[in-house]
Amino acid sequence: LHQQIENNHAEIRKLRRVIKLVNKSFSAGYFKLLFYK
């Protein structure tokens, strides 16, 4: 059970990292759209 919890935490950390990257690239793309109209 403890191992399962550890695995879940690792998965959540991975997801958070991915979400951060997606947010960064999305923000960059959004600003480009705003500025280069």
C-alpha atoms as a PDB file:
ATOM      1  CA  LEU A   1       0.000   0.000   0.000  1.00  0.00           C
ATOM      2  CA  HIS A   2       2.807   2.412   0.901  1.00  0.00           C
ATOM      3  CA  GLN A   3       4.462   1.660  -2.434  1.00  0.00           C
ATOM      4  CA  GLN A   4       1.212   2.510  -4.200  1.00  0.00           C
ATOM      5  CA  ILE A   5       1.092   5.885  -2.460  1.00  0.00           C
ATOM      6  CA  GLU A   6       4.697   6.601  -3.468  1.00  0.00           C
ATOM      7  CA  ASN A   7       3.851   5.741  -7.070  1.00  0.00           C
ATOM      8  CA  ASN A   8       0.862   8.069  -6.995  1.00  0.00           C
ATOM      9  CA  HIS A   9       3.016  10.926  -5.726  1.00  0.00           C
ATOM     10  CA  ALA A  10       5.536  10.322  -8.515  1.00  0.00           C
ATOM     11  CA  GLU A  11       2.738  10.354 -11.097  1.00  0.00           C
ATOM     12  CA  ILE A  12       1.319  13.588  -9.681  1.00  0.00           C
ATOM     13  CA  ARG A  13       4.756  15.227  -9.808  1.00  0.00           C
ATOM     14  CA  LYS A  14       5.120  14.168 -13.455  1.00  0.00           C
ATOM     15  CA  LEU A  15       1.684  15.558 -14.279  1.00  0.00           C
ATOM     16  CA  ARG A  16       2.457  18.840 -12.541  1.00  0.00           C
ATOM     17  CA  ARG A  17       5.675  19.189 -14.529  1.00  0.00           C
ATOM     18  CA  VAL A  18       3.848  18.516 -17.789  1.00  0.00           C
ATOM     19  CA  ILE A  19       1.082  20.968 -16.899  1.00  0.00           C
ATOM     20  CA  LYS A  20       3.665  23.656 -16.113  1.00  0.00           C
ATOM     21  CA  LEU A  21       5.331  23.121 -19.489  1.00  0.00           C
ATOM     22  CA  VAL A  22       1.991  23.195 -21.287  1.00  0.00           C
ATOM     23  CA  ASN A  23       1.001  26.385 -19.475  1.00  0.00           C
ATOM     24  CA  LYS A  24       4.310  28.000 -20.419  1.00  0.00           C
ATOM     25  CA  SER A  25       4.051  27.107 -24.093  1.00  0.00           C
ATOM     26  CA  PHE A  26       0.360  28.003 -24.172  1.00  0.00           C
ATOM     27  CA  SER A  27       1.055  31.407 -22.604  1.00  0.00           C
ATOM     28  CA  ALA A  28       3.884  32.035 -25.067  1.00  0.00           C
ATOM     29  CA  GLY A  29       1.648  31.101 -28.004  1.00  0.00           C
ATOM     30  CA  TYR A  30      -1.185  33.221 -26.652  1.00  0.00           C
ATOM     31  CA  PHE A  31       1.030  36.291 -26.296  1.00  0.00           C
ATOM     32  CA  LYS A  32       2.354  35.753 -29.812  1.00  0.00           C
ATOM     33  CA  LEU A  33      -1.218  35.745 -31.084  1.00  0.00           C
ATOM     34  CA  LEU A  34      -1.938  38.956 -29.201  1.00  0.00           C
ATOM     35  CA  PHE A  35       1.172  40.767 -30.378  1.00  0.00           C
ATOM     36  CA  TYR A  36       1.376  39.576 -33.973  1.00  0.00           C
ATOM     37  CA  LYS A  37      -2.174  40.258 -35.088  1.00  0.00           C
END
